[in-house]
Each structure stands twice: as C-alpha cells, then as structure tokens.
Amino acid sequence: MRTILILAVCVVAAYAETCSSHADCTNTLCSTGFELHCVNRECTCTHEANGGEPCTNVHDCHGRCTHTHDREHCIDGHCRCSH
C-alpha cells in the first residue's frame, strides 16, 4: 500500500505544469474566482487577497490570505493567495 501511495505522489509531482509566463499554462484549469499565474515556474491558481492594497514584494501581503494554508504572492503589484 505504501508503494502505491509513493507512486501516486510521484505521478502528481511529475504532472505539475511548468512555465516561464502564464501564457505557457495551457493544461492547468482554475475554479471560478481563481486566476491562472506562473509562480516559481509552476502554473498556479490564485485568488485576490483581502484588503486589495498594492504590494511591491511578498512581505507586503503577510496576513492577507484568509486560509492558514494559503501561500501569499505579490503579482503585478497586487496581493494574491494560492493553496
């Protein structure tokens, strides 16, 4: 059983779509309310952070994501959150 789980994780990790810009993300689909962005060379679905204040770096976005497991990003001068 453990072998199957490890194999499944490897397949999912290998399937992650890589990118250099959001235009490269042709296979990744986002749910309603999310936008597609290229973050750290990986296609990522993000949503607007709370507050809507502009940012210049990720530190400006600290505490603006509502879910504890969300990752904060500063994309095009706006705080965004991803899971």
N, C-alpha and C. Protein backbone atom coordinates (compact mmCIF):
# COMPACT_ATOMS: atom_id res chain seq x y z
N MET A 1 0.82 -1.19 0.00
CA MET A 1 0.00 0.00 0.00
C MET A 1 0.87 1.26 0.00
N ARG A 2 1.93 1.26 0.79
CA ARG A 2 2.82 2.41 0.85
C ARG A 2 3.47 2.67 -0.51
N THR A 3 3.82 1.62 -1.22
CA THR A 3 4.43 1.76 -2.55
C THR A 3 3.47 2.44 -3.51
N ILE A 4 2.21 2.09 -3.46
CA ILE A 4 1.21 2.70 -4.34
C ILE A 4 1.07 4.19 -4.02
N LEU A 5 1.04 4.54 -2.76
CA LEU A 5 0.93 5.94 -2.35
C LEU A 5 2.14 6.75 -2.84
N ILE A 6 3.32 6.21 -2.68
CA ILE A 6 4.54 6.90 -3.13
C ILE A 6 4.51 7.07 -4.64
N LEU A 7 4.10 6.07 -5.36
CA LEU A 7 4.00 6.14 -6.82
C LEU A 7 2.99 7.20 -7.24
N ALA A 8 1.86 7.27 -6.55
CA ALA A 8 0.83 8.27 -6.87
C ALA A 8 1.36 9.68 -6.66
N VAL A 9 2.10 9.90 -5.59
CA VAL A 9 2.68 11.23 -5.32
C VAL A 9 3.68 11.60 -6.41
N CYS A 10 4.48 10.65 -6.85
CA CYS A 10 5.45 10.91 -7.91
C CYS A 10 4.77 11.28 -9.22
N VAL A 11 3.69 10.60 -9.54
CA VAL A 11 2.95 10.89 -10.77
C VAL A 11 2.37 12.29 -10.71
N VAL A 12 1.78 12.67 -9.60
CA VAL A 12 1.21 14.01 -9.45
C VAL A 12 2.30 15.06 -9.55
N ALA A 13 3.42 14.84 -8.90
CA ALA A 13 4.53 15.80 -8.95
C ALA A 13 5.07 15.95 -10.36
N ALA A 14 5.14 14.87 -11.09
CA ALA A 14 5.65 14.92 -12.46
C ALA A 14 4.65 15.60 -13.39
N TYR A 15 3.37 15.60 -13.03
CA TYR A 15 2.34 16.16 -13.88
C TYR A 15 2.24 17.68 -13.75
N ALA A 16 2.76 18.27 -12.68
CA ALA A 16 2.66 19.71 -12.47
C ALA A 16 3.19 20.44 -13.70
N GLU A 17 2.38 21.37 -14.19
CA GLU A 17 2.73 22.08 -15.42
C GLU A 17 3.73 23.20 -15.10
N THR A 18 4.85 23.22 -15.81
CA THR A 18 5.85 24.25 -15.60
C THR A 18 5.66 25.37 -16.60
N CYS A 19 6.23 26.55 -16.28
CA CYS A 19 6.01 27.72 -17.12
C CYS A 19 7.13 28.74 -16.93
N SER A 20 7.21 29.66 -17.88
CA SER A 20 8.04 30.85 -17.71
C SER A 20 7.17 32.10 -17.75
N SER A 21 5.92 31.95 -18.21
CA SER A 21 4.91 33.01 -18.15
C SER A 21 3.54 32.34 -18.12
N HIS A 22 2.50 33.09 -17.75
CA HIS A 22 1.17 32.47 -17.65
C HIS A 22 0.67 31.97 -19.01
N ALA A 23 1.21 32.48 -20.08
CA ALA A 23 0.81 32.02 -21.42
C ALA A 23 1.22 30.56 -21.67
N ASP A 24 2.20 30.07 -20.92
CA ASP A 24 2.66 28.69 -21.06
C ASP A 24 1.70 27.70 -20.40
N CYS A 25 0.76 28.17 -19.61
CA CYS A 25 -0.14 27.31 -18.84
C CYS A 25 -1.36 26.96 -19.68
N THR A 26 -1.25 25.91 -20.45
CA THR A 26 -2.34 25.51 -21.34
C THR A 26 -3.16 24.36 -20.79
N ASN A 27 -2.64 23.59 -19.85
CA ASN A 27 -3.35 22.43 -19.32
C ASN A 27 -3.94 22.65 -17.93
N THR A 28 -3.50 23.68 -17.23
CA THR A 28 -3.98 23.94 -15.89
C THR A 28 -5.28 24.73 -15.95
N LEU A 29 -6.31 24.24 -15.27
CA LEU A 29 -7.60 24.91 -15.21
C LEU A 29 -7.87 25.37 -13.78
N CYS A 30 -8.42 26.57 -13.63
CA CYS A 30 -8.72 27.12 -12.31
C CYS A 30 -10.23 27.15 -12.07
N SER A 31 -10.61 27.01 -10.82
CA SER A 31 -12.01 27.10 -10.42
C SER A 31 -12.49 28.54 -10.54
N THR A 32 -13.79 28.72 -10.50
CA THR A 32 -14.40 30.04 -10.54
C THR A 32 -13.86 30.90 -9.39
N GLY A 33 -13.50 32.13 -9.68
CA GLY A 33 -12.95 33.03 -8.68
C GLY A 33 -11.44 33.00 -8.59
N PHE A 34 -10.80 32.10 -9.31
CA PHE A 34 -9.35 31.99 -9.32
C PHE A 34 -8.80 32.42 -10.67
N GLU A 35 -7.58 32.93 -10.69
CA GLU A 35 -6.89 33.30 -11.92
C GLU A 35 -5.61 32.48 -12.04
N LEU A 36 -5.21 32.23 -13.27
CA LEU A 36 -4.02 31.43 -13.55
C LEU A 36 -2.80 32.34 -13.61
N HIS A 37 -1.74 31.97 -12.87
CA HIS A 37 -0.49 32.72 -12.86
C HIS A 37 0.67 31.73 -12.90
N CYS A 38 1.80 32.20 -13.39
CA CYS A 38 3.03 31.42 -13.36
C CYS A 38 3.81 31.88 -12.13
N VAL A 39 3.89 31.02 -11.11
CA VAL A 39 4.55 31.35 -9.85
C VAL A 39 5.67 30.35 -9.61
N ASN A 40 6.89 30.85 -9.50
CA ASN A 40 8.06 29.99 -9.28
C ASN A 40 8.14 28.88 -10.33
N ARG A 41 7.88 29.24 -11.58
CA ARG A 41 7.97 28.35 -12.74
C ARG A 41 6.93 27.22 -12.71
N GLU A 42 5.85 27.42 -11.96
CA GLU A 42 4.78 26.42 -11.89
C GLU A 42 3.43 27.12 -12.10
N CYS A 43 2.58 26.54 -12.94
CA CYS A 43 1.25 27.09 -13.18
C CYS A 43 0.44 26.97 -11.89
N THR A 44 -0.09 28.10 -11.43
CA THR A 44 -0.74 28.18 -10.13
C THR A 44 -2.03 28.97 -10.22
N CYS A 45 -3.09 28.47 -9.58
CA CYS A 45 -4.36 29.18 -9.50
C CYS A 45 -4.34 30.04 -8.24
N THR A 46 -4.61 31.34 -8.38
CA THR A 46 -4.60 32.25 -7.25
C THR A 46 -5.93 33.01 -7.18
N HIS A 47 -6.20 33.56 -6.00
CA HIS A 47 -7.37 34.42 -5.83
C HIS A 47 -6.93 35.70 -5.14
N GLU A 48 -7.76 36.74 -5.25
CA GLU A 48 -7.43 38.03 -4.68
C GLU A 48 -7.33 37.94 -3.16
N ALA A 49 -6.32 38.59 -2.61
CA ALA A 49 -6.14 38.62 -1.15
C ALA A 49 -7.08 39.65 -0.53
N ASN A 50 -7.29 39.54 0.76
CA ASN A 50 -8.12 40.51 1.49
C ASN A 50 -7.47 41.88 1.49
N GLY A 51 -8.27 42.90 1.42
CA GLY A 51 -7.78 44.27 1.56
C GLY A 51 -7.57 45.00 0.25
N GLY A 52 -7.03 44.33 -0.75
CA GLY A 52 -6.83 44.93 -2.05
C GLY A 52 -5.74 46.00 -2.13
N GLU A 53 -4.93 46.15 -1.06
CA GLU A 53 -3.86 47.13 -1.10
C GLU A 53 -2.76 46.68 -2.07
N PRO A 54 -2.09 47.64 -2.70
CA PRO A 54 -1.00 47.28 -3.61
C PRO A 54 0.20 46.73 -2.84
N CYS A 55 1.09 46.05 -3.56
CA CYS A 55 2.30 45.49 -2.93
C CYS A 55 3.49 45.69 -3.86
N THR A 56 4.66 45.66 -3.26
CA THR A 56 5.90 45.69 -4.04
C THR A 56 6.69 44.40 -3.86
N ASN A 57 6.39 43.65 -2.77
CA ASN A 57 7.02 42.35 -2.56
C ASN A 57 6.09 41.49 -1.71
N VAL A 58 6.41 40.22 -1.57
CA VAL A 58 5.54 39.27 -0.87
C VAL A 58 5.34 39.65 0.60
N HIS A 59 6.29 40.33 1.21
CA HIS A 59 6.17 40.71 2.62
C HIS A 59 5.03 41.70 2.84
N ASP A 60 4.70 42.49 1.81
CA ASP A 60 3.56 43.42 1.91
C ASP A 60 2.23 42.68 2.01
N CYS A 61 2.21 41.40 1.65
CA CYS A 61 0.97 40.62 1.62
C CYS A 61 0.76 39.76 2.86
N HIS A 62 1.66 39.83 3.81
CA HIS A 62 1.57 38.99 5.00
C HIS A 62 0.25 39.20 5.73
N GLY A 63 -0.44 38.10 6.01
CA GLY A 63 -1.69 38.14 6.76
C GLY A 63 -2.92 38.49 5.95
N ARG A 64 -2.80 38.60 4.64
CA ARG A 64 -3.94 38.99 3.80
C ARG A 64 -4.71 37.79 3.24
N CYS A 65 -4.18 36.59 3.38
CA CYS A 65 -4.86 35.39 2.88
C CYS A 65 -5.71 34.81 4.02
N THR A 66 -6.94 34.44 3.72
CA THR A 66 -7.88 34.02 4.75
C THR A 66 -7.63 32.61 5.27
N HIS A 67 -7.17 31.70 4.44
CA HIS A 67 -6.95 30.32 4.86
C HIS A 67 -5.51 30.16 5.35
N THR A 68 -5.32 29.42 6.41
CA THR A 68 -4.00 29.29 7.02
C THR A 68 -2.98 28.61 6.11
N HIS A 69 -3.45 27.78 5.17
CA HIS A 69 -2.51 27.07 4.30
C HIS A 69 -2.28 27.79 2.98
N ASP A 70 -2.92 28.94 2.78
CA ASP A 70 -2.70 29.71 1.56
C ASP A 70 -1.29 30.27 1.54
N ARG A 71 -0.72 30.35 0.34
CA ARG A 71 0.58 31.00 0.16
C ARG A 71 0.34 32.40 -0.37
N GLU A 72 1.07 33.35 0.17
CA GLU A 72 0.94 34.74 -0.25
C GLU A 72 1.89 35.03 -1.40
N HIS A 73 1.41 35.85 -2.36
CA HIS A 73 2.21 36.24 -3.52
C HIS A 73 1.94 37.70 -3.82
N CYS A 74 2.92 38.40 -4.35
CA CYS A 74 2.75 39.74 -4.88
C CYS A 74 2.91 39.61 -6.39
N ILE A 75 1.80 39.70 -7.12
CA ILE A 75 1.82 39.51 -8.57
C ILE A 75 1.30 40.77 -9.23
N ASP A 76 2.11 41.36 -10.09
CA ASP A 76 1.74 42.58 -10.82
C ASP A 76 1.24 43.67 -9.87
N GLY A 77 1.87 43.78 -8.70
CA GLY A 77 1.54 44.84 -7.76
C GLY A 77 0.30 44.60 -6.91
N HIS A 78 -0.23 43.36 -6.93
CA HIS A 78 -1.42 43.02 -6.15
C HIS A 78 -1.18 41.76 -5.35
N CYS A 79 -1.68 41.73 -4.12
CA CYS A 79 -1.55 40.54 -3.29
C CYS A 79 -2.50 39.47 -3.78
N ARG A 80 -1.98 38.25 -3.94
CA ARG A 80 -2.75 37.11 -4.39
C ARG A 80 -2.48 35.95 -3.44
N CYS A 81 -3.41 35.00 -3.36
CA CYS A 81 -3.27 33.82 -2.49
C CYS A 81 -3.42 32.56 -3.32
N SER A 82 -2.67 31.54 -2.98
CA SER A 82 -2.80 30.24 -3.63
C SER A 82 -2.76 29.16 -2.56
N HIS A 83 -3.30 27.99 -2.88
CA HIS A 83 -3.31 26.87 -1.94
C HIS A 83 -2.06 26.08 -2.08
